[in-house]
Protein backbone atom coordinates (compact mmCIF):
# COMPACT_ATOMS: atom_id res chain seq x y z
CA MET A 1 95.08 170.24 -16.49
CA GLN A 2 97.62 167.54 -15.66
CA THR A 3 99.32 165.61 -18.46
CA LYS A 4 100.76 162.15 -18.14
CA ASN A 5 104.45 161.67 -18.63
CA LYS A 6 104.82 159.81 -21.94
CA THR A 7 108.57 159.45 -21.75
CA ILE A 8 109.91 155.99 -22.51
CA THR A 9 113.43 154.66 -22.29
CA LEU A 10 115.48 153.77 -25.34
CA GLU A 11 115.18 150.11 -24.38
CA GLN A 12 111.37 150.38 -24.24
CA PHE A 13 111.32 152.10 -27.63
CA LYS A 14 113.50 149.41 -29.21
CA GLU A 15 111.35 146.62 -27.74
CA LYS A 16 108.15 148.25 -28.95
CA HIS A 17 109.35 148.86 -32.51
CA TYR A 18 111.96 146.13 -33.02
CA GLY A 19 111.02 143.36 -30.60
CA LYS A 20 112.91 141.74 -27.77
CA ARG A 21 116.62 140.97 -27.88
CA GLY A 22 117.30 137.78 -29.78
CA THR A 23 114.77 138.37 -32.56
CA ALA A 24 116.22 138.87 -36.04
CA LYS A 25 114.81 142.39 -36.43
CA ARG A 26 116.19 143.50 -33.07
CA GLU A 27 119.62 141.96 -33.61
CA LYS A 28 119.90 143.73 -36.98
CA LEU A 29 119.10 147.01 -35.23
CA GLU A 30 121.64 146.38 -32.46
CA LEU A 31 124.38 145.51 -34.93
CA GLY A 32 123.74 148.68 -36.92
CA TYR A 33 123.57 150.76 -33.76
CA ASN A 34 126.93 149.49 -32.55
CA GLU A 35 128.53 150.22 -35.92
CA PHE A 36 127.04 153.71 -35.93
CA LYS A 37 128.19 154.31 -32.39
CA LEU A 38 131.81 153.48 -33.26
CA GLY A 39 131.93 155.92 -36.17
CA ALA A 40 130.24 158.63 -34.10
CA MET A 41 132.69 158.10 -31.23
CA ILE A 42 135.70 158.50 -33.52
CA HIS A 43 134.14 161.59 -35.09
CA ASP A 44 133.43 163.17 -31.69
CA ALA A 45 136.91 162.37 -30.36
CA ARG A 46 138.53 163.87 -33.46
CA LEU A 47 136.52 167.07 -33.12
CA GLU A 48 137.29 167.24 -29.39
CA LYS A 49 140.98 167.13 -30.29
CA GLY A 50 140.40 169.93 -32.83
CA MET A 51 141.60 167.78 -35.70
CA THR A 52 140.46 167.55 -39.29
CA GLN A 53 139.97 164.17 -40.95
CA GLU A 54 143.12 164.85 -42.96
CA GLU A 55 145.18 165.57 -39.83
CA LEU A 56 143.96 162.37 -38.19
CA ALA A 57 144.67 160.37 -41.35
CA ASP A 58 148.22 161.76 -41.56
CA LYS A 59 148.93 160.87 -37.93
CA CYS A 60 147.79 157.26 -38.26
CA GLY A 61 149.10 156.58 -41.78
CA THR A 62 145.90 156.46 -43.80
CA ASN A 63 143.98 158.98 -45.91
CA LYS A 64 141.12 161.41 -45.36
CA ALA A 65 138.66 159.36 -47.42
CA TYR A 66 139.28 156.29 -45.24
CA ILE A 67 138.68 158.26 -42.02
CA SER A 68 135.49 159.69 -43.52
CA ARG A 69 134.23 156.22 -44.47
CA VAL A 70 134.97 154.89 -40.97
CA GLU A 71 133.25 157.85 -39.28
CA ASN A 72 130.22 157.44 -41.53
CA ASN A 73 130.12 153.65 -41.09
CA ILE A 74 130.66 152.99 -44.77
CA LYS A 75 133.92 151.12 -44.20
CA ASP A 76 134.52 148.21 -41.83
CA VAL A 77 137.69 148.73 -39.85
CA ARG A 78 140.14 146.10 -38.60
CA ILE A 79 140.86 146.14 -34.88
CA SER A 80 144.54 146.83 -35.56
CA THR A 81 143.62 149.86 -37.68
CA LEU A 82 141.08 151.02 -35.13
CA GLN A 83 143.75 150.77 -32.45
CA LYS A 84 146.10 152.89 -34.59
CA ILE A 85 143.39 155.54 -35.15
CA ILE A 86 142.57 155.71 -31.43
CA GLU A 87 146.04 155.41 -29.94
CA VAL A 88 148.38 156.97 -32.52
CA GLY A 89 145.98 159.37 -34.21
CA LEU A 90 143.90 160.52 -31.24
CA GLY A 91 146.26 159.78 -28.36
CA GLY A 92 143.65 157.65 -26.62
CA ARG A 93 143.39 154.06 -25.49
CA LEU A 94 141.26 151.35 -27.04
CA ASN A 95 139.47 149.03 -24.62
CA LEU A 96 137.48 146.07 -25.91
CA SER A 97 135.22 143.80 -23.93
CA ILE A 98 133.04 140.81 -24.58
CA THR A 99 129.88 140.33 -22.58
CA LEU A 100 128.28 136.91 -22.64
């Protein structure tokens, strides 16, 4: 018995459940996704460096609770602070781009 492949892309899933880009529901999803992605990226980079939240906080001049809130997308972060977390705390480089 042959089964059909029911795999869909992430884009197809988002369109099906949240509509096309430009609709209010979809834009709300995209905004939340981008915020989540940032916190997850910082979390993953910190773990890859073998650092605790407290060690990262000490290196970039903040506290463990702040790093936790950023990683869990509870706290908005200024670009200057984000740059300090990435460059001073994690030894990385922050690149920003705007796509129109």
